[in-house]
Amino acid sequence: LSYEDMMDNIDSKAPLERIEDGPNDTTKWWTVQNQASVRKSRIGFITSMSEHFCSSCNRLRITADGKIKVCLFGSNEKEVSLRDIMRNRSSNNSRSDEEELSEVI
């Protein structure tokens, strides 16, 4: 289902009210007014497929196999293997290791 379809489905059952997002938030937040109580529930949508948020994204992702990705949709050319760098450290100097990792990131 697309973001729009989910919104229409939920909104037909309970009124939704948009909450302001943070400056680099990847989630679109809404409150759902529970008719049985005065308490509001919160629901969020990450619309990476139907409504891209690339222009405001500032995230790095680390994959399960230890690669750093700068983009969810980026090609493998933009990945860096953090796992390989950590396994192949040439020094026992933690300061040097920290600088090397900072440079990669």
PDB file of N, CA and C in Angstrom:
ATOM      1  N   LEU A   1       0.828  -1.190   0.000  1.00  0.00           N
ATOM      2  CA  LEU A   1       0.000   0.000   0.000  1.00  0.00           C
ATOM      3  C   LEU A   1       0.868   1.247   0.000  1.00  0.00           C
ATOM      4  N   SER A   2       0.415   2.227  -0.704  1.00  0.00           N
ATOM      5  CA  SER A   2       1.157   3.489  -0.705  1.00  0.00           C
ATOM      6  C   SER A   2       0.831   4.283   0.554  1.00  0.00           C
ATOM      7  N   TYR A   3       1.629   5.286   0.811  1.00  0.00           N
ATOM      8  CA  TYR A   3       1.410   6.189   1.937  1.00  0.00           C
ATOM      9  C   TYR A   3       0.012   6.805   1.850  1.00  0.00           C
ATOM     10  N   GLU A   4      -0.348   7.257   0.668  1.00  0.00           N
ATOM     11  CA  GLU A   4      -1.657   7.889   0.467  1.00  0.00           C
ATOM     12  C   GLU A   4      -2.800   6.910   0.754  1.00  0.00           C
ATOM     13  N   ASP A   5      -2.666   5.666   0.289  1.00  0.00           N
ATOM     14  CA  ASP A   5      -3.702   4.657   0.546  1.00  0.00           C
ATOM     15  C   ASP A   5      -3.840   4.362   2.038  1.00  0.00           C
ATOM     16  N   MET A   6      -2.710   4.257   2.747  1.00  0.00           N
ATOM     17  CA  MET A   6      -2.760   4.007   4.187  1.00  0.00           C
ATOM     18  C   MET A   6      -3.417   5.175   4.911  1.00  0.00           C
ATOM     19  N   MET A   7      -3.062   6.389   4.514  1.00  0.00           N
ATOM     20  CA  MET A   7      -3.650   7.574   5.133  1.00  0.00           C
ATOM     21  C   MET A   7      -5.160   7.599   4.942  1.00  0.00           C
ATOM     22  N   ASP A   8      -5.611   7.341   3.720  1.00  0.00           N
ATOM     23  CA  ASP A   8      -7.048   7.335   3.429  1.00  0.00           C
ATOM     24  C   ASP A   8      -7.766   6.281   4.263  1.00  0.00           C
ATOM     25  N   ASN A   9      -7.176   5.107   4.369  1.00  0.00           N
ATOM     26  CA  ASN A   9      -7.776   4.006   5.121  1.00  0.00           C
ATOM     27  C   ASN A   9      -7.910   4.354   6.606  1.00  0.00           C
ATOM     28  N   ILE A  10      -6.842   4.870   7.196  1.00  0.00           N
ATOM     29  CA  ILE A  10      -6.862   5.218   8.623  1.00  0.00           C
ATOM     30  C   ILE A  10      -7.778   6.409   8.878  1.00  0.00           C
ATOM     31  N   ASP A  11      -7.676   7.419   8.028  1.00  0.00           N
ATOM     32  CA  ASP A  11      -8.455   8.638   8.221  1.00  0.00           C
ATOM     33  C   ASP A  11      -9.965   8.379   8.113  1.00  0.00           C
ATOM     34  N   SER A  12     -10.354   7.372   7.362  1.00  0.00           N
ATOM     35  CA  SER A  12     -11.777   7.053   7.250  1.00  0.00           C
ATOM     36  C   SER A  12     -12.324   6.441   8.546  1.00  0.00           C
ATOM     37  N   LYS A  13     -11.433   5.928   9.405  1.00  0.00           N
ATOM     38  CA  LYS A  13     -11.845   5.293  10.658  1.00  0.00           C
ATOM     39  C   LYS A  13     -11.606   6.175  11.881  1.00  0.00           C
ATOM     40  N   ALA A  14     -10.593   7.020  11.823  1.00  0.00           N
ATOM     41  CA  ALA A  14     -10.250   7.906  12.943  1.00  0.00           C
ATOM     42  C   ALA A  14      -9.595   9.158  12.389  1.00  0.00           C
ATOM     43  N   PRO A  15      -9.970  10.317  12.914  1.00  0.00           N
ATOM     44  CA  PRO A  15      -9.373  11.559  12.406  1.00  0.00           C
ATOM     45  C   PRO A  15      -7.878  11.642  12.715  1.00  0.00           C
ATOM     46  N   LEU A  16      -7.127  12.105  11.733  1.00  0.00           N
ATOM     47  CA  LEU A  16      -5.683  12.265  11.872  1.00  0.00           C
ATOM     48  C   LEU A  16      -5.314  13.740  11.917  1.00  0.00           C
ATOM     49  N   GLU A  17      -4.289  14.042  12.693  1.00  0.00           N
ATOM     50  CA  GLU A  17      -3.782  15.408  12.769  1.00  0.00           C
ATOM     51  C   GLU A  17      -2.270  15.356  12.613  1.00  0.00           C
ATOM     52  N   ARG A  18      -1.728  16.138  11.703  1.00  0.00           N
ATOM     53  CA  ARG A  18      -0.291  16.131  11.401  1.00  0.00           C
ATOM     54  C   ARG A  18       0.487  16.760  12.546  1.00  0.00           C
ATOM     55  N   ILE A  19       1.596  16.138  12.894  1.00  0.00           N
ATOM     56  CA  ILE A  19       2.534  16.657  13.879  1.00  0.00           C
ATOM     57  C   ILE A  19       3.737  17.193  13.113  1.00  0.00           C
ATOM     58  N   GLU A  20       4.307  18.292  13.576  1.00  0.00           N
ATOM     59  CA  GLU A  20       5.473  18.864  12.906  1.00  0.00           C
ATOM     60  C   GLU A  20       6.666  17.919  13.014  1.00  0.00           C
ATOM     61  N   ASP A  21       7.351  17.730  11.902  1.00  0.00           N
ATOM     62  CA  ASP A  21       8.533  16.872  11.869  1.00  0.00           C
ATOM     63  C   ASP A  21       9.760  17.667  12.284  1.00  0.00           C
ATOM     64  N   GLY A  22      10.787  16.925  12.708  1.00  0.00           N
ATOM     65  CA  GLY A  22      12.074  17.543  12.986  1.00  0.00           C
ATOM     66  C   GLY A  22      12.750  17.926  11.682  1.00  0.00           C
ATOM     67  N   PRO A  23      13.835  18.703  11.732  1.00  0.00           N
ATOM     68  CA  PRO A  23      14.480  19.203  10.517  1.00  0.00           C
ATOM     69  C   PRO A  23      15.001  18.105   9.586  1.00  0.00           C
ATOM     70  N   ASN A  24      15.439  16.983  10.110  1.00  0.00           N
ATOM     71  CA  ASN A  24      15.952  15.895   9.261  1.00  0.00           C
ATOM     72  C   ASN A  24      15.208  14.590   9.535  1.00  0.00           C
ATOM     73  N   ASP A  25      13.975  14.703   9.959  1.00  0.00           N
ATOM     74  CA  ASP A  25      13.177  13.527  10.297  1.00  0.00           C
ATOM     75  C   ASP A  25      12.792  12.776   9.027  1.00  0.00           C
ATOM     76  N   THR A  26      12.965  11.476   9.031  1.00  0.00           N
ATOM     77  CA  THR A  26      12.556  10.657   7.891  1.00  0.00           C
ATOM     78  C   THR A  26      11.141  10.110   8.067  1.00  0.00           C
ATOM     79  N   THR A  27      10.551  10.353   9.221  1.00  0.00           N
ATOM     80  CA  THR A  27       9.208   9.868   9.522  1.00  0.00           C
ATOM     81  C   THR A  27       8.213  11.013   9.440  1.00  0.00           C
ATOM     82  N   LYS A  28       7.052  10.739   8.855  1.00  0.00           N
ATOM     83  CA  LYS A  28       5.941  11.690   8.855  1.00  0.00           C
ATOM     84  C   LYS A  28       5.034  11.290  10.007  1.00  0.00           C
ATOM     85  N   TRP A  29       4.953  12.145  11.029  1.00  0.00           N
ATOM     86  CA  TRP A  29       4.217  11.823  12.245  1.00  0.00           C
ATOM     87  C   TRP A  29       2.812  12.408  12.230  1.00  0.00           C
ATOM     88  N   TRP A  30       1.875  11.622  12.766  1.00  0.00           N
ATOM     89  CA  TRP A  30       0.473  12.016  12.885  1.00  0.00           C
ATOM     90  C   TRP A  30      -0.029  11.593  14.257  1.00  0.00           C
ATOM     91  N   THR A  31      -1.051  12.287  14.758  1.00  0.00           N
ATOM     92  CA  THR A  31      -1.745  11.822  15.953  1.00  0.00           C
ATOM     93  C   THR A  31      -3.107  11.297  15.521  1.00  0.00           C
ATOM     94  N   VAL A  32      -3.556  10.273  16.217  1.00  0.00           N
ATOM     95  CA  VAL A  32      -4.864   9.680  15.966  1.00  0.00           C
ATOM     96  C   VAL A  32      -5.692   9.922  17.222  1.00  0.00           C
ATOM     97  N   GLN A  33      -6.790  10.630  17.059  1.00  0.00           N
ATOM     98  CA  GLN A  33      -7.652  10.892  18.205  1.00  0.00           C
ATOM     99  C   GLN A  33      -8.467   9.641  18.496  1.00  0.00           C
ATOM    100  N   ASN A  34      -8.261   9.070  19.679  1.00  0.00           N
ATOM    101  CA  ASN A  34      -9.017   7.904  20.113  1.00  0.00           C
ATOM    102  C   ASN A  34     -10.375   8.379  20.610  1.00  0.00           C
ATOM    103  N   GLN A  35     -11.431   7.920  19.958  1.00  0.00           N
ATOM    104  CA  GLN A  35     -12.782   8.383  20.303  1.00  0.00           C
ATOM    105  C   GLN A  35     -13.200   7.958  21.713  1.00  0.00           C
ATOM    106  N   ALA A  36     -12.648   6.858  22.211  1.00  0.00           N
ATOM    107  CA  ALA A  36     -13.042   6.343  23.529  1.00  0.00           C
ATOM    108  C   ALA A  36     -12.365   7.087  24.679  1.00  0.00           C
ATOM    109  N   SER A  37     -11.335   7.841  24.396  1.00  0.00           N
ATOM    110  CA  SER A  37     -10.640   8.568  25.469  1.00  0.00           C
ATOM    111  C   SER A  37     -10.097   9.878  24.923  1.00  0.00           C
ATOM    112  N   VAL A  38      -9.587  10.681  25.803  1.00  0.00           N
ATOM    113  CA  VAL A  38      -8.997  11.954  25.373  1.00  0.00           C
ATOM    114  C   VAL A  38      -7.533  11.777  24.974  1.00  0.00           C
ATOM    115  N   ARG A  39      -7.013  10.585  25.191  1.00  0.00           N
ATOM    116  CA  ARG A  39      -5.611  10.310  24.869  1.00  0.00           C
ATOM    117  C   ARG A  39      -5.419  10.241  23.355  1.00  0.00           C
ATOM    118  N   LYS A  40      -4.344  10.816  22.880  1.00  0.00           N
ATOM    119  CA  LYS A  40      -4.017  10.737  21.457  1.00  0.00           C
ATOM    120  C   LYS A  40      -2.920   9.701  21.252  1.00  0.00           C
ATOM    121  N   SER A  41      -3.079   8.918  20.220  1.00  0.00           N
ATOM    122  CA  SER A  41      -2.050   7.962  19.830  1.00  0.00           C
ATOM    123  C   SER A  41      -1.242   8.578  18.695  1.00  0.00           C
ATOM    124  N   ARG A  42      -0.013   8.139  18.570  1.00  0.00           N
ATOM    125  CA  ARG A  42       0.867   8.659  17.524  1.00  0.00           C
ATOM    126  C   ARG A  42       1.167   7.550  16.533  1.00  0.00           C
ATOM    127  N   ILE A  43       1.195   7.907  15.250  1.00  0.00           N
ATOM    128  CA  ILE A  43       1.539   6.951  14.206  1.00  0.00           C
ATOM    129  C   ILE A  43       2.499   7.650  13.249  1.00  0.00           C
ATOM    130  N   GLY A  44       3.464   6.896  12.754  1.00  0.00           N
ATOM    131  CA  GLY A  44       4.451   7.478  11.853  1.00  0.00           C
ATOM    132  C   GLY A  44       4.612   6.651  10.595  1.00  0.00           C
ATOM    133  N   PHE A  45       4.918   7.310   9.504  1.00  0.00           N
ATOM    134  CA  PHE A  45       5.135   6.661   8.213  1.00  0.00           C
ATOM    135  C   PHE A  45       6.511   7.052   7.690  1.00  0.00           C
ATOM    136  N   ILE A  46       7.268   6.062   7.286  1.00  0.00           N
ATOM    137  CA  ILE A  46       8.539   6.312   6.611  1.00  0.00           C
ATOM    138  C   ILE A  46       8.272   6.020   5.141  1.00  0.00           C
ATOM    139  N   THR A  47       8.266   7.063   4.339  1.00  0.00           N
ATOM    140  CA  THR A  47       7.786   6.959   2.960  1.00  0.00           C
ATOM    141  C   THR A  47       8.932   6.907   1.952  1.00  0.00           C
ATOM    142  N   SER A  48       9.935   6.123   2.247  1.00  0.00           N
ATOM    143  CA  SER A  48      11.130   6.114   1.402  1.00  0.00           C
ATOM    144  C   SER A  48      10.842   5.647  -0.025  1.00  0.00           C
ATOM    145  N   MET A  49       9.824   4.844  -0.227  1.00  0.00           N
ATOM    146  CA  MET A  49       9.524   4.355  -1.566  1.00  0.00           C
ATOM    147  C   MET A  49       8.522   5.245  -2.308  1.00  0.00           C
ATOM    148  N   SER A  50       7.486   5.705  -1.630  1.00  0.00           N
ATOM    149  CA  SER A  50       6.432   6.456  -2.317  1.00  0.00           C
ATOM    150  C   SER A  50       6.666   7.966  -2.322  1.00  0.00           C
ATOM    151  N   GLU A  51       7.325   8.499  -1.317  1.00  0.00           N
ATOM    152  CA  GLU A  51       7.618   9.931  -1.251  1.00  0.00           C
ATOM    153  C   GLU A  51       9.025  10.111  -0.679  1.00  0.00           C
ATOM    154  N   HIS A  52       9.986  10.243  -1.565  1.00  0.00           N
ATOM    155  CA  HIS A  52      11.399  10.327  -1.161  1.00  0.00           C
ATOM    156  C   HIS A  52      11.660  11.547  -0.284  1.00  0.00           C
ATOM    157  N   PHE A  53      12.614  11.401   0.606  1.00  0.00           N
ATOM    158  CA  PHE A  53      12.996  12.492   1.508  1.00  0.00           C
ATOM    159  C   PHE A  53      14.479  12.797   1.383  1.00  0.00           C
ATOM    160  N   CYS A  54      15.033  12.527   0.218  1.00  0.00           N
ATOM    161  CA  CYS A  54      16.477  12.644  -0.002  1.00  0.00           C
ATOM    162  C   CYS A  54      17.029  14.037   0.317  1.00  0.00           C
ATOM    163  N   SER A  55      16.292  15.070  -0.008  1.00  0.00           N
ATOM    164  CA  SER A  55      16.828  16.423   0.147  1.00  0.00           C
ATOM    165  C   SER A  55      17.068  16.809   1.605  1.00  0.00           C
ATOM    166  N   SER A  56      16.403  16.136   2.545  1.00  0.00           N
ATOM    167  CA  SER A  56      16.597  16.489   3.952  1.00  0.00           C
ATOM    168  C   SER A  56      17.271  15.372   4.754  1.00  0.00           C
ATOM    169  N   CYS A  57      17.665  14.300   4.093  1.00  0.00           N
ATOM    170  CA  CYS A  57      18.255  13.155   4.791  1.00  0.00           C
ATOM    171  C   CYS A  57      19.716  13.441   5.152  1.00  0.00           C
ATOM    172  N   ASN A  58      20.078  13.128   6.388  1.00  0.00           N
ATOM    173  CA  ASN A  58      21.468  13.291   6.814  1.00  0.00           C
ATOM    174  C   ASN A  58      21.951  12.029   7.527  1.00  0.00           C
ATOM    175  N   ARG A  59      21.440  10.893   7.125  1.00  0.00           N
ATOM    176  CA  ARG A  59      21.691   9.641   7.816  1.00  0.00           C
ATOM    177  C   ARG A  59      22.760   8.791   7.120  1.00  0.00           C
ATOM    178  N   LEU A  60      23.485   8.056   7.926  1.00  0.00           N
ATOM    179  CA  LEU A  60      24.341   6.978   7.444  1.00  0.00           C
ATOM    180  C   LEU A  60      23.696   5.687   7.915  1.00  0.00           C
ATOM    181  N   ARG A  61      23.794   4.644   7.122  1.00  0.00           N
ATOM    182  CA  ARG A  61      23.255   3.352   7.526  1.00  0.00           C
ATOM    183  C   ARG A  61      24.384   2.348   7.575  1.00  0.00           C
ATOM    184  N   ILE A  62      24.332   1.463   8.552  1.00  0.00           N
ATOM    185  CA  ILE A  62      25.286   0.363   8.625  1.00  0.00           C
ATOM    186  C   ILE A  62      24.493  -0.904   8.368  1.00  0.00           C
ATOM    187  N   THR A  63      24.902  -1.642   7.344  1.00  0.00           N
ATOM    188  CA  THR A  63      24.195  -2.861   6.973  1.00  0.00           C
ATOM    189  C   THR A  63      24.596  -4.003   7.909  1.00  0.00           C
ATOM    190  N   ALA A  64      23.845  -5.092   7.834  1.00  0.00           N
ATOM    191  CA  ALA A  64      24.111  -6.249   8.693  1.00  0.00           C
ATOM    192  C   ALA A  64      25.488  -6.844   8.430  1.00  0.00           C
ATOM    193  N   ASP A  65      26.010  -6.665   7.223  1.00  0.00           N
ATOM    194  CA  ASP A  65      27.336  -7.216   6.911  1.00  0.00           C
ATOM    195  C   ASP A  65      28.451  -6.182   7.065  1.00  0.00           C
ATOM    196  N   GLY A  66      28.169  -5.075   7.763  1.00  0.00           N
ATOM    197  CA  GLY A  66      29.216  -4.137   8.143  1.00  0.00           C
ATOM    198  C   GLY A  66      29.572  -3.074   7.135  1.00  0.00           C
ATOM    199  N   LYS A  67      28.695  -2.778   6.187  1.00  0.00           N
ATOM    200  CA  LYS A  67      28.969  -1.739   5.204  1.00  0.00           C
ATOM    201  C   LYS A  67      28.251  -0.449   5.604  1.00  0.00           C
ATOM    202  N   ILE A  68      28.902   0.678   5.356  1.00  0.00           N
ATOM    203  CA  ILE A  68      28.283   1.977   5.573  1.00  0.00           C
ATOM    204  C   ILE A  68      27.694   2.423   4.245  1.00  0.00           C
ATOM    205  N   LYS A  69      26.418   2.802   4.292  1.00  0.00           N
ATOM    206  CA  LYS A  69      25.743   3.323   3.100  1.00  0.00           C
ATOM    207  C   LYS A  69      25.354   4.772   3.372  1.00  0.00           C
ATOM    208  N   VAL A  70      25.554   5.626   2.389  1.00  0.00           N
ATOM    209  CA  VAL A  70      25.150   7.019   2.537  1.00  0.00           C
ATOM    210  C   VAL A  70      23.743   7.245   2.002  1.00  0.00           C
ATOM    211  N   CYS A  71      23.173   6.250   1.325  1.00  0.00           N
ATOM    212  CA  CYS A  71      21.841   6.398   0.739  1.00  0.00           C
ATOM    213  C   CYS A  71      21.153   5.045   0.678  1.00  0.00           C
ATOM    214  N   LEU A  72      19.869   5.023   1.034  1.00  0.00           N
ATOM    215  CA  LEU A  72      19.101   3.775   0.927  1.00  0.00           C
ATOM    216  C   LEU A  72      19.034   3.285  -0.510  1.00  0.00           C
ATOM    217  N   PHE A  73      19.009   4.228  -1.450  1.00  0.00           N
ATOM    218  CA  PHE A  73      18.831   3.886  -2.852  1.00  0.00           C
ATOM    219  C   PHE A  73      20.130   3.907  -3.639  1.00  0.00           C
ATOM    220  N   GLY A  74      21.229   4.196  -2.965  1.00  0.00           N
ATOM    221  CA  GLY A  74      22.506   4.290  -3.648  1.00  0.00           C
ATOM    222  C   GLY A  74      23.015   2.936  -4.120  1.00  0.00           C
ATOM    223  N   SER A  75      23.861   2.981  -5.090  1.00  0.00           N
ATOM    224  CA  SER A  75      24.451   1.749  -5.605  1.00  0.00           C
ATOM    225  C   SER A  75      25.528   1.247  -4.649  1.00  0.00           C
ATOM    226  N   ASN A  76      25.984   0.045  -4.882  1.00  0.00           N
ATOM    227  CA  ASN A  76      27.040  -0.531  -4.043  1.00  0.00           C
ATOM    228  C   ASN A  76      28.344   0.241  -4.141  1.00  0.00           C
ATOM    229  N   GLU A  77      28.506   1.045  -5.186  1.00  0.00           N
ATOM    230  CA  GLU A  77      29.724   1.842  -5.347  1.00  0.00           C
ATOM    231  C   GLU A  77      29.877   2.855  -4.222  1.00  0.00           C
ATOM    232  N   LYS A  78      28.785   3.233  -3.592  1.00  0.00           N
ATOM    233  CA  LYS A  78      28.831   4.242  -2.540  1.00  0.00           C
ATOM    234  C   LYS A  78      28.917   3.620  -1.156  1.00  0.00           C
ATOM    235  N   GLU A  79      29.150   2.326  -1.078  1.00  0.00           N
ATOM    236  CA  GLU A  79      29.291   1.646   0.207  1.00  0.00           C
ATOM    237  C   GLU A  79      30.753   1.546   0.593  1.00  0.00           C
ATOM    238  N   VAL A  80      31.021   1.600   1.887  1.00  0.00           N
ATOM    239  CA  VAL A  80      32.365   1.405   2.422  1.00  0.00           C
ATOM    240  C   VAL A  80      32.264   0.284   3.445  1.00  0.00           C
ATOM    241  N   SER A  81      33.169  -0.679   3.371  1.00  0.00           N
ATOM    242  CA  SER A  81      33.134  -1.806   4.292  1.00  0.00           C
ATOM    243  C   SER A  81      33.814  -1.435   5.609  1.00  0.00           C
ATOM    244  N   LEU A  82      32.996  -1.071   6.578  1.00  0.00           N
ATOM    245  CA  LEU A  82      33.498  -0.775   7.918  1.00  0.00           C
ATOM    246  C   LEU A  82      34.063  -2.042   8.556  1.00  0.00           C
ATOM    247  N   ARG A  83      33.424  -3.163   8.286  1.00  0.00           N
ATOM    248  CA  ARG A  83      33.885  -4.445   8.826  1.00  0.00           C
ATOM    249  C   ARG A  83      35.323  -4.731   8.390  1.00  0.00           C
ATOM    250  N   ASP A  84      35.601  -4.570   7.104  1.00  0.00           N
ATOM    251  CA  ASP A  84      36.950  -4.855   6.605  1.00  0.00           C
ATOM    252  C   ASP A  84      37.985  -3.913   7.213  1.00  0.00           C
ATOM    253  N   ILE A  85      37.634  -2.660   7.344  1.00  0.00           N
ATOM    254  CA  ILE A  85      38.570  -1.686   7.936  1.00  0.00           C
ATOM    255  C   ILE A  85      38.877  -2.064   9.377  1.00  0.00           C
ATOM    256  N   MET A  86      37.853  -2.441  10.132  1.00  0.00           N
ATOM    257  CA  MET A  86      38.061  -2.792  11.538  1.00  0.00           C
ATOM    258  C   MET A  86      38.849  -4.085  11.674  1.00  0.00           C
ATOM    259  N   ARG A  87      38.638  -5.024  10.787  1.00  0.00           N
ATOM    260  CA  ARG A  87      39.379  -6.290  10.848  1.00  0.00           C
ATOM    261  C   ARG A  87      40.829  -6.134  10.422  1.00  0.00           C
ATOM    262  N   ASN A  88      41.101  -5.187   9.548  1.00  0.00           N
ATOM    263  CA  ASN A  88      42.441  -5.029   8.992  1.00  0.00           C
ATOM    264  C   ASN A  88      43.235  -3.892   9.629  1.00  0.00           C
ATOM    265  N   ARG A  89      42.882  -3.521  10.826  1.00  0.00           N
ATOM    266  CA  ARG A  89      43.616  -2.444  11.498  1.00  0.00           C
ATOM    267  C   ARG A  89      45.083  -2.829  11.627  1.00  0.00           C
ATOM    268  N   SER A  90      45.936  -1.887  11.275  1.00  0.00           N
ATOM    269  CA  SER A  90      47.367  -2.180  11.286  1.00  0.00           C
ATOM    270  C   SER A  90      48.041  -1.807  12.596  1.00  0.00           C
ATOM    271  N   SER A  91      47.365  -1.031  13.402  1.00  0.00           N
ATOM    272  CA  SER A  91      48.022  -0.581  14.631  1.00  0.00           C
ATOM    273  C   SER A  91      47.212  -0.996  15.851  1.00  0.00           C
ATOM    274  N   ASN A  92      47.874  -0.938  16.979  1.00  0.00           N
ATOM    275  CA  ASN A  92      47.193  -1.167  18.252  1.00  0.00           C
ATOM    276  C   ASN A  92      46.902   0.160  18.938  1.00  0.00           C
ATOM    277  N   ASN A  93      47.093   1.227  18.206  1.00  0.00           N
ATOM    278  CA  ASN A  93      46.897   2.567  18.731  1.00  0.00           C
ATOM    279  C   ASN A  93      45.428   2.955  18.547  1.00  0.00           C
ATOM    280  N   SER A  94      44.679   3.004  19.632  1.00  0.00           N
ATOM    281  CA  SER A  94      43.250   3.292  19.534  1.00  0.00           C
ATOM    282  C   SER A  94      42.989   4.689  18.975  1.00  0.00           C
ATOM    283  N   ARG A  95      43.876   5.646  19.253  1.00  0.00           N
ATOM    284  CA  ARG A  95      43.721   7.004  18.709  1.00  0.00           C
ATOM    285  C   ARG A  95      43.836   6.978  17.194  1.00  0.00           C
ATOM    286  N   SER A  96      44.807   6.240  16.670  1.00  0.00           N
ATOM    287  CA  SER A  96      44.992   6.112  15.236  1.00  0.00           C
ATOM    288  C   SER A  96      43.796   5.408  14.593  1.00  0.00           C
ATOM    289  N   ASP A  97      43.287   4.365  15.254  1.00  0.00           N
ATOM    290  CA  ASP A  97      42.119   3.643  14.754  1.00  0.00           C
ATOM    291  C   ASP A  97      40.904   4.565  14.708  1.00  0.00           C
ATOM    292  N   GLU A  98      40.730   5.353  15.733  1.00  0.00           N
ATOM    293  CA  GLU A  98      39.607   6.279  15.806  1.00  0.00           C
ATOM    294  C   GLU A  98      39.688   7.312  14.681  1.00  0.00           C
ATOM    295  N   GLU A  99      40.889   7.823  14.424  1.00  0.00           N
ATOM    296  CA  GLU A  99      41.076   8.793  13.341  1.00  0.00           C
ATOM    297  C   GLU A  99      40.786   8.160  11.990  1.00  0.00           C
ATOM    298  N   GLU A 100      41.229   6.921  11.802  1.00  0.00           N
ATOM    299  CA  GLU A 100      40.982   6.226  10.534  1.00  0.00           C
ATOM    300  C   GLU A 100      39.491   6.015  10.320  1.00  0.00           C
ATOM    301  N   LEU A 101      38.775   5.594  11.350  1.00  0.00           N
ATOM    302  CA  LEU A 101      37.326   5.403  11.219  1.00  0.00           C
ATOM    303  C   LEU A 101      36.616   6.718  10.970  1.00  0.00           C
ATOM    304  N   SER A 102      37.028   7.776  11.641  1.00  0.00           N
ATOM    305  CA  SER A 102      36.432   9.099  11.408  1.00  0.00           C
ATOM    306  C   SER A 102      36.626   9.548   9.976  1.00  0.00           C
ATOM    307  N   GLU A 103      37.805   9.276   9.438  1.00  0.00           N
ATOM    308  CA  GLU A 103      38.092   9.658   8.051  1.00  0.00           C
ATOM    309  C   GLU A 103      37.183   8.905   7.079  1.00  0.00           C
ATOM    310  N   VAL A 104      36.937   7.635   7.339  1.00  0.00           N
ATOM    311  CA  VAL A 104      36.068   6.829   6.467  1.00  0.00           C
ATOM    312  C   VAL A 104      34.641   7.353   6.517  1.00  0.00           C
ATOM    313  N   ILE A 105      34.194   7.637   7.713  1.00  0.00           N
ATOM    314  CA  ILE A 105      32.817   8.105   7.884  1.00  0.00           C
ATOM    315  C   ILE A 105      32.668   9.490   7.310  1.00  0.00           C
TER     316      ILE A 105
END
